[in-house]
Amino acid sequence: MVLGVVGGVVALALAIGAVVVLTGDDGKDDEAKTGGTTSGQNGGPSTDDPEKKGNENEGKDGLALSTSTFQLEPDRTTLWKAKTAADTSPSSSTGLVGNWLSGNNFILGDEQSITAYDLKTGEKAWDVEAPESNAVPCYMSDEITSDGKAAVLFRKASAESFHPCTLLTIIDTKTGRPVWFKDVKPGAEDGDYGDVAIDEKNNRVFAITAEMVFSYSLDAGKKNWDAGGKEYCNITGEATPTAVLVEQTCFDSDKTVIHSLDLNNGRKSLWTYSAPGDSQTKVSILSAAPAVALVNEGSAAARGNIVAFDAKGKPGRQIPMAQAFGNLPDRTSVLGRLPRYYFTGTTMVTAVGKGSSGKSATVAAFDLTTGAEKWHQDIGTAEKGAQILAVNDTSVVAAKEGGYDTSGKLVSIALDSGKQTEGGSFPSGSSVMTSLDFNQLVLKGDLIFGVEAYASSYNPRVVAFGPK
């Protein structure tokens, strides 16, 4: 199976046991230019005891709360609001890209810039220094290194909005300045999908963009390998520190194939899986670790199935997208790249829309091994939706939507049984809580950030909620 033709040179794929060789360029080190986690590794929440009574965090500021144990029961109060630029149009969609928690700052990325806000005050600490003038961020790594480095894919200012984001950049999150950057495929026009991840342990960064996959050294920006780039082939997928999973659709072979890449040489696959049907089969990678994909060989109405794969690429039982309580969602939300699926152990958790509005209202859990539903719980309605904030091995933390005269609510759901426990309320009248199908809530420790999906000067850019 071929996963690449670069520079006009065609290389044959060699099947060697369970390993599939993928072609790339000559693999020589490529010097980078030098410029001015998973969520759990990036200040993620501790939700070991979501039903804990009392309020041991009362009176703490945002910096202290960001590393405190999450408490479900206390009502929330507004600690600070970060202003949106006064000249921002009310109709400007931000296209949320990602967020980090680093040092004293909450760092938010959208399709215009990346901005750091002081955890104590909400004041702006810095705006990112783009690797090239007017370049804009497209994808941010989940991971931050122990010394505060993170990875971003930027789109060049000269590129169209539908062109790929090829400026791989390592950012120092203390200052917002690039440590190094590299245009991984100059002049590329195909493949607007991307992803980026850092493997600090092995000093490397992975990037998916421009119908290819790349690996560079984290410290110096030297190319380790690339894969893909074959004509008439499209590549999308997910990158993590421990796995890179991609799907490649080649119209000359009329097949869609999933590849789990060898991280030491991405031109080799640890395993492959040929999706049923032809090149019209739609495959979306939901997760690289664990390896999970959405496969639809029929029409849009057929919806398709979610399939998990073991370490050797053997598919497990299918989970139908069409469920009795509603259709499981697409991979990401319409605005921005908000996650729709969460994985812990052998359990998958997602939120399902209800009614014509499509607002997420039902939270459901599935066993990836058996394909069976574990439980589903209605926590919202067609008018008042809900959003998942965090999932760990014991519980799901979610929030119910509020209104301009009503309060949103925190909810915990036991992962094993689906039992609901209602928690504290958010302040009434908070604009970010009125539309959780668009706006994003981010949980860090016992601090919750509300991020508006539309950058409007009438609303704050970020609101920080702490326990009363």
Protein backbone atom coordinates (compact mmCIF):
# COMPACT_ATOMS: atom_id res chain seq x y z
CA MET A 1 0.00 0.00 0.00
CA VAL A 2 1.57 3.33 -1.04
CA LEU A 3 1.27 6.38 1.24
CA GLY A 4 3.37 8.79 -0.70
CA VAL A 5 5.00 10.15 -3.80
CA VAL A 6 7.18 13.19 -3.26
CA GLY A 7 9.14 15.28 -5.70
CA GLY A 8 7.89 13.25 -8.65
CA VAL A 9 9.66 10.11 -7.40
CA VAL A 10 7.45 7.05 -7.12
CA ALA A 11 8.43 4.41 -4.57
CA LEU A 12 6.91 0.98 -4.33
CA ALA A 13 5.21 -0.17 -1.16
CA LEU A 14 6.80 -3.23 0.38
CA ALA A 15 4.81 -5.58 2.54
CA ILE A 16 7.14 -7.04 5.14
CA GLY A 17 5.19 -9.18 7.54
CA ALA A 18 2.72 -6.89 9.30
CA VAL A 19 4.69 -3.80 8.36
CA VAL A 20 3.76 -1.69 5.33
CA VAL A 21 6.40 0.66 3.93
CA LEU A 22 5.21 4.14 2.95
CA THR A 23 7.13 6.34 0.59
CA GLY A 24 8.37 9.85 1.34
CA ASP A 25 11.30 12.04 0.30
CA ASP A 26 14.95 11.19 0.79
CA GLY A 27 14.69 11.76 4.57
CA LYS A 28 17.68 14.11 4.80
CA ASP A 29 17.73 16.48 7.75
CA ASP A 30 16.06 19.75 6.85
CA GLU A 31 17.15 22.75 8.88
CA ALA A 32 14.39 24.85 10.42
CA LYS A 33 14.19 28.61 10.43
CA THR A 34 14.60 30.32 13.78
CA GLY A 35 12.12 32.99 14.84
CA GLY A 36 12.05 35.93 17.49
CA THR A 37 -1.54 16.53 26.25
CA THR A 38 -3.13 15.42 26.19
CA SER A 39 -5.43 17.64 28.25
CA GLY A 40 -4.28 15.83 31.36
CA GLN A 41 -0.71 16.97 30.71
CA ASN A 42 -1.90 20.51 30.08
CA GLY A 43 -3.37 21.46 33.43
CA GLY A 44 -6.35 19.15 33.02
CA PRO A 45 -8.94 18.78 35.74
CA SER A 46 -8.78 16.40 38.64
CA THR A 47 -12.24 14.87 38.90
CA ASP A 48 -11.50 12.04 41.30
CA ASP A 49 -14.20 13.17 43.73
CA PRO A 50 -16.76 15.23 41.80
CA GLU A 51 -19.39 15.00 44.55
CA LYS A 52 -17.19 16.36 47.33
CA LYS A 53 -19.14 18.52 49.78
CA GLY A 54 -18.06 21.89 51.11
CA ASN A 55 -15.85 24.48 49.47
CA GLU A 56 -12.20 24.10 50.34
CA ASN A 57 -11.25 26.45 47.48
CA GLU A 58 -13.34 29.46 48.54
CA GLY A 59 -11.41 32.71 48.26
CA LYS A 60 -8.64 31.36 46.05
CA ASP A 61 -7.62 33.32 42.97
CA GLY A 62 -7.56 31.93 39.44
CA LEU A 63 -3.92 30.87 39.60
CA ALA A 64 -4.46 28.81 42.74
CA LEU A 65 -7.76 27.37 41.49
CA SER A 66 -6.22 26.20 38.21
CA THR A 67 -4.29 23.50 40.10
CA SER A 68 -6.89 22.78 42.81
CA THR A 69 -9.13 19.72 43.02
CA PHE A 70 -12.42 20.16 41.16
CA GLN A 71 -15.54 20.54 43.31
CA LEU A 72 -18.97 19.88 41.88
CA GLU A 73 -21.28 21.31 44.53
CA PRO A 74 -20.34 24.99 45.02
CA ASP A 75 -22.12 27.61 42.95
CA ARG A 76 -19.84 29.51 40.57
CA THR A 77 -19.01 33.18 40.64
CA THR A 78 -17.33 35.36 38.02
CA LEU A 79 -13.69 35.98 38.96
CA TRP A 80 -12.81 38.09 35.94
CA LYS A 81 -13.75 38.90 32.36
CA ALA A 82 -11.20 39.38 29.58
CA LYS A 83 -12.18 42.10 27.15
CA THR A 84 -12.64 41.62 23.42
CA ALA A 85 -10.92 44.16 21.19
CA ALA A 86 -13.11 47.23 20.74
CA ASP A 87 -12.85 47.15 16.95
CA THR A 88 -14.06 43.52 16.66
CA SER A 89 -17.12 42.99 14.49
CA PRO A 90 -20.11 41.43 16.32
CA SER A 91 -20.42 38.89 13.49
CA SER A 92 -16.78 37.75 13.52
CA SER A 93 -16.55 34.02 14.17
CA THR A 94 -13.39 33.24 16.09
CA GLY A 95 -12.97 29.68 14.85
CA LEU A 96 -11.65 28.34 18.17
CA VAL A 97 -8.43 26.40 17.69
CA GLY A 98 -7.26 25.32 21.14
CA ASN A 99 -6.09 26.34 24.60
CA TRP A 100 -3.22 25.83 27.01
CA LEU A 101 -2.61 26.38 30.70
CA SER A 102 0.99 27.43 31.21
CA GLY A 103 2.68 29.16 34.10
CA ASN A 104 0.51 32.08 35.24
CA ASN A 105 -1.57 32.19 32.06
CA PHE A 106 -4.62 30.74 30.32
CA ILE A 107 -3.75 30.76 26.62
CA LEU A 108 -6.50 30.80 24.00
CA GLY A 109 -6.07 30.25 20.27
CA ASP A 110 -8.49 31.12 17.49
CA GLU A 111 -8.16 31.63 13.74
CA GLN A 112 -6.98 35.19 14.25
CA SER A 113 -4.31 34.89 16.95
CA ILE A 114 -3.20 33.22 20.18
CA THR A 115 -3.54 35.29 23.35
CA ALA A 116 -2.39 34.68 26.93
CA TYR A 117 -4.51 35.93 29.86
CA ASP A 118 -3.24 36.30 33.41
CA LEU A 119 -4.95 33.67 35.60
CA LYS A 120 -5.32 36.08 38.54
CA THR A 121 -6.64 39.15 36.74
CA GLY A 122 -7.67 38.23 33.19
CA GLU A 123 -5.38 40.93 31.82
CA LYS A 124 -3.68 40.19 28.53
CA ALA A 125 -0.15 38.88 29.06
CA TRP A 126 0.86 38.55 25.41
CA ASP A 127 -0.30 38.04 21.84
CA VAL A 128 1.59 35.40 19.89
CA GLU A 129 4.36 36.52 17.57
CA ALA A 130 3.52 34.82 14.30
CA PRO A 131 6.40 33.07 12.52
CA GLU A 132 5.71 35.20 9.44
CA SER A 133 3.90 38.53 9.14
CA ASN A 134 0.10 38.10 9.36
CA ALA A 135 0.24 34.30 9.50
CA VAL A 136 -2.72 32.88 11.45
CA PRO A 137 -2.96 29.79 13.71
CA CYS A 138 -4.91 26.73 12.55
CA TYR A 139 -4.00 23.87 14.91
CA MET A 140 -2.47 23.76 18.40
CA SER A 141 -0.92 20.80 20.18
CA ASP A 142 -2.70 19.49 23.27
CA GLU A 143 0.70 19.08 24.89
CA ILE A 144 3.04 21.58 26.51
CA THR A 145 6.57 20.48 27.37
CA SER A 146 7.98 20.65 30.90
CA ASP A 147 9.85 23.83 29.94
CA GLY A 148 6.80 25.52 28.39
CA LYS A 149 7.11 24.74 24.68
CA ALA A 150 4.05 24.02 22.49
CA ALA A 151 3.44 23.38 18.79
CA VAL A 152 1.24 25.27 16.32
CA LEU A 153 0.47 24.97 12.62
CA PHE A 154 0.04 28.44 11.05
CA ARG A 155 -1.34 29.37 7.64
CA LYS A 156 0.80 31.78 5.63
CA ALA A 157 -0.72 35.20 4.95
CA SER A 158 -0.27 34.65 1.22
CA ALA A 159 -2.33 31.43 1.28
CA GLU A 160 -6.06 31.23 0.68
CA SER A 161 -8.33 30.23 3.58
CA PHE A 162 -8.84 26.78 2.04
CA HIS A 163 -5.10 26.15 1.60
CA PRO A 164 -3.17 24.00 4.10
CA CYS A 165 -1.45 25.36 7.20
CA THR A 166 2.20 24.53 6.57
CA LEU A 167 4.15 26.72 9.02
CA LEU A 168 5.10 24.27 11.79
CA THR A 169 6.09 26.43 14.76
CA ILE A 170 7.34 25.75 18.28
CA ILE A 171 6.12 28.51 20.63
CA ASP A 172 7.60 29.50 23.98
CA THR A 173 4.42 29.84 26.06
CA LYS A 174 6.20 32.09 28.57
CA THR A 175 6.58 34.83 25.96
CA GLY A 176 4.45 33.89 22.94
CA ARG A 177 7.49 34.01 20.67
CA PRO A 178 8.53 31.30 18.19
CA VAL A 179 11.52 29.15 19.13
CA TRP A 180 11.78 27.83 15.57
CA PHE A 181 9.52 27.38 12.58
CA LYS A 182 9.57 25.52 9.30
CA ASP A 183 7.42 25.67 6.16
CA VAL A 184 6.97 21.91 5.83
CA LYS A 185 5.59 22.04 2.27
CA PRO A 186 6.10 25.41 0.55
CA GLY A 187 3.50 26.35 -2.04
CA ALA A 188 1.08 23.57 -1.07
CA GLU A 189 -2.54 24.19 -2.08
CA ASP A 190 -4.22 20.86 -1.28
CA GLY A 191 -5.25 19.44 2.07
CA ASP A 192 -6.75 21.98 4.45
CA TYR A 193 -7.03 19.41 7.27
CA GLY A 194 -4.33 19.26 9.95
CA ASP A 195 -3.19 18.26 13.41
CA VAL A 196 -0.04 18.62 15.51
CA ALA A 197 1.36 16.88 18.60
CA ILE A 198 4.52 16.87 20.74
CA ASP A 199 6.35 13.78 21.97
CA GLU A 200 8.64 15.38 24.56
CA LYS A 201 10.05 12.06 25.79
CA ASN A 202 11.50 11.27 22.36
CA ASN A 203 12.26 14.87 21.34
CA ARG A 204 9.95 15.04 18.34
CA VAL A 205 6.89 16.79 16.98
CA PHE A 206 4.34 15.34 14.54
CA ALA A 207 2.28 17.33 12.04
CA ILE A 208 -0.47 16.32 9.63
CA THR A 209 -1.02 18.85 6.85
CA ALA A 210 -1.04 19.26 3.06
CA GLU A 211 -2.02 15.59 2.50
CA MET A 212 1.16 14.49 4.29
CA VAL A 213 2.52 13.56 7.72
CA PHE A 214 5.77 15.02 9.09
CA SER A 215 8.09 14.42 12.03
CA TYR A 216 10.68 16.97 13.18
CA SER A 217 13.07 17.09 16.11
CA LEU A 218 11.56 19.16 18.90
CA ASP A 219 14.75 20.93 19.95
CA ALA A 220 16.27 21.89 16.61
CA GLY A 221 13.53 21.56 13.98
CA LYS A 222 15.37 19.01 11.84
CA LYS A 223 13.23 16.71 9.73
CA ASN A 224 13.07 13.09 10.86
CA TRP A 225 10.77 11.83 8.10
CA ASP A 226 7.70 12.59 6.03
CA ALA A 227 5.06 10.35 4.47
CA GLY A 228 2.30 10.85 1.96
CA GLY A 229 2.03 13.30 -0.89
CA LYS A 230 0.90 10.83 -3.54
CA GLU A 231 -1.10 12.41 -6.34
CA TYR A 232 -4.86 11.85 -6.14
CA CYS A 233 -4.62 10.84 -2.47
CA ASN A 234 -6.09 12.69 0.49
CA ILE A 235 -4.90 12.27 4.10
CA THR A 236 -6.60 13.22 7.35
CA GLY A 237 -6.03 11.91 10.85
CA GLU A 238 -5.04 12.47 14.45
CA ALA A 239 -1.60 12.90 16.02
CA THR A 240 -0.71 12.24 19.67
CA PRO A 241 2.63 11.78 21.48
CA THR A 242 2.24 7.98 21.31
CA ALA A 243 0.32 7.33 18.08
CA VAL A 244 -0.42 8.82 14.67
CA LEU A 245 -3.48 7.40 12.93
CA VAL A 246 -4.45 8.56 9.44
CA GLU A 247 -6.90 7.63 6.72
CA GLN A 248 -5.83 7.87 3.11
CA THR A 249 -8.27 7.93 0.22
CA CYS A 250 -6.71 7.34 -3.20
CA PHE A 251 -9.00 7.84 -6.14
CA ASP A 252 -6.81 5.85 -8.52
CA SER A 253 -7.13 2.77 -6.28
CA ASP A 254 -10.76 3.44 -5.33
CA LYS A 255 -10.08 2.53 -1.68
CA THR A 256 -9.84 4.21 1.70
CA VAL A 257 -7.18 2.77 4.02
CA ILE A 258 -6.47 3.51 7.68
CA HIS A 259 -2.76 3.51 8.65
CA SER A 260 -1.27 3.37 12.14
CA LEU A 261 2.14 4.89 11.49
CA ASP A 262 5.50 3.76 12.84
CA LEU A 263 6.59 6.85 14.78
CA ASN A 264 10.27 6.17 14.08
CA ASN A 265 9.68 5.97 10.33
CA GLY A 266 6.28 7.18 9.18
CA ARG A 267 6.74 5.59 5.78
CA LYS A 268 6.01 2.31 7.53
CA SER A 269 2.66 1.30 8.97
CA LEU A 270 2.38 -0.77 12.12
CA TRP A 271 -0.94 -1.94 10.70
CA THR A 272 -3.46 -1.03 8.02
CA TYR A 273 -7.20 -1.50 7.63
CA SER A 274 -9.00 -1.27 4.29
CA ALA A 275 -12.39 0.31 4.83
CA PRO A 276 -15.35 -1.46 3.22
CA GLY A 277 -16.74 -0.03 -0.01
CA ASP A 278 -14.85 2.19 -2.43
CA SER A 279 -13.28 5.66 -2.38
CA GLN A 280 -16.73 7.12 -1.65
CA THR A 281 -16.58 5.58 1.83
CA LYS A 282 -16.20 8.37 4.38
CA VAL A 283 -13.72 7.77 7.20
CA SER A 284 -13.05 10.19 10.06
CA ILE A 285 -10.39 9.43 12.65
CA LEU A 286 -11.90 10.13 16.07
CA SER A 287 -8.88 9.14 18.13
CA ALA A 288 -5.33 7.89 17.58
CA ALA A 289 -4.91 6.51 21.11
CA PRO A 290 -7.09 4.50 21.40
CA ALA A 291 -7.46 3.92 17.66
CA VAL A 292 -11.08 4.77 16.81
CA ALA A 293 -12.65 5.77 13.49
CA LEU A 294 -16.05 6.68 12.09
CA VAL A 295 -16.69 4.66 8.91
CA ASN A 296 -19.62 5.34 6.60
CA GLU A 297 -19.76 3.41 3.33
CA GLY A 298 -23.34 4.45 2.59
CA SER A 299 -25.23 7.70 2.18
CA ALA A 300 -25.30 10.53 4.69
CA ALA A 301 -28.64 9.21 5.92
CA ALA A 302 -27.03 5.83 6.70
CA ARG A 303 -24.71 7.60 9.16
CA GLY A 304 -22.23 4.70 9.39
CA ASN A 305 -20.54 3.12 12.40
CA ILE A 306 -17.81 3.83 14.93
CA VAL A 307 -15.09 1.17 15.05
CA ALA A 308 -12.25 0.70 17.54
CA PHE A 309 -9.06 -1.20 16.64
CA ASP A 310 -6.74 -3.26 18.81
CA ALA A 311 -2.93 -3.00 18.83
CA LYS A 312 -2.70 -5.13 15.68
CA GLY A 313 -5.40 -3.25 13.78
CA LYS A 314 -8.15 -5.79 14.27
CA PRO A 315 -11.53 -4.00 14.26
CA GLY A 316 -13.88 -4.48 17.19
CA ARG A 317 -17.66 -4.46 17.34
CA GLN A 318 -19.35 -1.61 15.52
CA ILE A 319 -21.24 1.16 17.28
CA PRO A 320 -24.00 2.47 14.98
CA MET A 321 -24.10 6.24 14.60
CA ALA A 322 -27.90 6.02 14.49
CA GLN A 323 -29.08 5.31 18.04
CA ALA A 324 -32.63 5.07 19.40
CA PHE A 325 -32.09 8.23 21.46
CA GLY A 326 -30.51 10.22 18.60
CA ASN A 327 -27.70 10.29 16.06
CA LEU A 328 -24.14 10.39 17.34
CA PRO A 329 -22.35 13.59 16.26
CA ASP A 330 -19.76 14.26 13.60
CA ARG A 331 -16.11 14.45 14.61
CA THR A 332 -15.99 18.12 15.61
CA SER A 333 -18.36 21.02 16.04
CA VAL A 334 -19.37 23.43 13.29
CA LEU A 335 -17.57 26.42 14.81
CA GLY A 336 -14.00 25.78 15.87
CA ARG A 337 -12.51 22.42 16.68
CA LEU A 338 -14.31 21.58 19.89
CA PRO A 339 -14.11 17.88 20.76
CA ARG A 340 -17.23 15.76 20.42
CA TYR A 341 -15.82 12.42 21.61
CA TYR A 342 -13.96 11.51 24.80
CA PHE A 343 -12.14 8.26 25.58
CA THR A 344 -11.02 6.67 28.84
CA GLY A 345 -9.94 3.06 29.03
CA THR A 346 -12.39 1.07 26.88
CA THR A 347 -15.19 3.63 27.25
CA MET A 348 -16.27 6.26 24.73
CA VAL A 349 -18.40 9.22 25.85
CA THR A 350 -20.22 11.71 23.63
CA ALA A 351 -23.10 14.20 23.68
CA VAL A 352 -26.04 13.73 21.30
CA GLY A 353 -28.28 16.41 19.82
CA LYS A 354 -32.00 16.61 20.42
CA GLY A 355 -34.77 18.17 18.33
CA SER A 356 -34.50 20.31 15.19
CA SER A 357 -32.06 22.68 16.89
CA GLY A 358 -29.54 19.85 17.26
CA LYS A 359 -28.45 21.13 20.66
CA SER A 360 -26.46 18.49 22.56
CA ALA A 361 -28.75 17.30 25.34
CA THR A 362 -28.05 13.60 25.92
CA VAL A 363 -24.75 12.23 27.23
CA ALA A 364 -24.06 8.61 26.29
CA ALA A 365 -21.32 6.10 27.08
CA PHE A 366 -20.35 3.04 25.03
CA ASP A 367 -18.08 0.04 25.58
CA LEU A 368 -15.55 0.03 22.74
CA THR A 369 -14.81 -3.67 23.22
CA THR A 370 -18.38 -4.93 22.88
CA GLY A 371 -19.91 -2.00 20.97
CA ALA A 372 -22.71 -1.94 23.52
CA GLU A 373 -24.25 1.16 25.05
CA LYS A 374 -23.40 1.45 28.75
CA TRP A 375 -25.95 4.17 29.47
CA HIS A 376 -27.42 7.42 28.17
CA GLN A 377 -28.73 10.30 30.24
CA ASP A 378 -30.75 13.36 29.24
CA ILE A 379 -29.19 16.35 30.99
CA GLY A 380 -30.44 19.06 28.65
CA THR A 381 -33.37 19.73 26.32
CA ALA A 382 -33.91 20.78 22.72
CA GLU A 383 -34.08 24.38 23.97
CA LYS A 384 -31.38 24.22 26.65
CA GLY A 385 -28.41 22.13 25.59
CA ALA A 386 -25.40 20.78 27.43
CA GLN A 387 -21.65 20.37 27.00
CA ILE A 388 -19.13 17.84 28.30
CA LEU A 389 -16.24 19.48 30.16
CA ALA A 390 -14.16 16.50 31.23
CA VAL A 391 -14.10 12.70 31.40
CA ASN A 392 -11.91 10.47 33.54
CA ASP A 393 -12.04 6.86 34.70
CA THR A 394 -14.79 7.50 37.28
CA SER A 395 -17.01 10.31 36.05
CA VAL A 396 -18.17 12.71 33.37
CA VAL A 397 -18.40 16.42 34.20
CA ALA A 398 -20.89 18.38 32.09
CA ALA A 399 -22.75 21.68 32.18
CA LYS A 400 -26.37 22.53 31.42
CA GLU A 401 -27.06 25.63 29.38
CA GLY A 402 -28.51 28.70 31.10
CA GLY A 403 -30.23 31.81 29.81
CA TYR A 404 -30.18 35.55 30.29
CA ASP A 405 -32.52 35.15 33.27
CA THR A 406 -31.72 31.56 34.29
CA SER A 407 -28.62 29.81 35.59
CA GLY A 408 -26.60 27.07 33.96
CA LYS A 409 -25.75 24.05 36.11
CA LEU A 410 -22.86 21.65 36.62
CA VAL A 411 -23.65 17.93 36.45
CA SER A 412 -21.60 14.84 37.26
CA ILE A 413 -22.40 11.43 35.76
CA ALA A 414 -20.87 8.24 37.18
CA LEU A 415 -18.98 6.50 34.40
CA ASP A 416 -19.93 2.99 35.49
CA SER A 417 -23.64 3.44 36.20
CA GLY A 418 -24.73 6.68 34.52
CA LYS A 419 -26.06 8.07 37.81
CA GLN A 420 -26.49 11.84 37.70
CA THR A 421 -25.55 14.26 40.46
CA GLU A 422 -26.45 17.92 40.05
CA GLY A 423 -23.87 20.46 41.15
CA GLY A 424 -23.52 24.19 41.53
CA SER A 425 -25.02 26.94 39.38
CA PHE A 426 -23.36 29.47 37.10
CA PRO A 427 -24.24 33.16 37.42
CA SER A 428 -27.50 33.99 35.61
CA GLY A 429 -27.25 36.30 32.62
CA SER A 430 -23.81 35.09 31.54
CA SER A 431 -23.79 35.28 27.73
CA VAL A 432 -21.34 32.40 27.34
CA MET A 433 -23.79 30.02 29.06
CA THR A 434 -26.66 30.77 26.66
CA SER A 435 -25.26 28.79 23.72
CA LEU A 436 -23.17 25.76 24.68
CA ASP A 437 -23.53 24.30 21.20
CA PHE A 438 -21.18 27.08 20.04
CA ASN A 439 -19.39 28.54 23.06
CA GLN A 440 -16.80 26.46 24.88
CA LEU A 441 -16.31 25.71 28.57
CA VAL A 442 -12.80 24.70 29.62
CA LEU A 443 -12.18 23.05 33.00
CA LYS A 444 -8.73 23.44 34.57
CA GLY A 445 -8.50 22.27 38.17
CA ASP A 446 -11.39 24.02 39.95
CA LEU A 447 -11.43 26.91 37.48
CA ILE A 448 -13.86 27.02 34.54
CA PHE A 449 -13.28 29.29 31.55
CA GLY A 450 -16.16 30.33 29.31
CA VAL A 451 -15.03 31.21 25.78
CA GLU A 452 -17.32 32.96 23.30
CA ALA A 453 -17.47 31.43 19.82
CA TYR A 454 -18.05 34.87 18.30
CA ALA A 455 -15.56 37.64 18.96
CA SER A 456 -17.89 40.53 19.77
CA SER A 457 -17.00 43.78 21.50
CA TYR A 458 -20.37 43.48 23.27
CA ASN A 459 -19.30 40.34 25.15
CA PRO A 460 -16.11 39.43 27.04
CA ARG A 461 -13.65 37.21 25.19
CA VAL A 462 -13.13 34.91 28.19
CA VAL A 463 -14.93 34.64 31.53
CA ALA A 464 -13.33 32.84 34.49
CA PHE A 465 -15.71 31.11 36.92
CA GLY A 466 -14.56 30.04 40.37
CA PRO A 467 -16.39 28.48 43.34
CA LYS A 468 -18.21 30.82 45.70
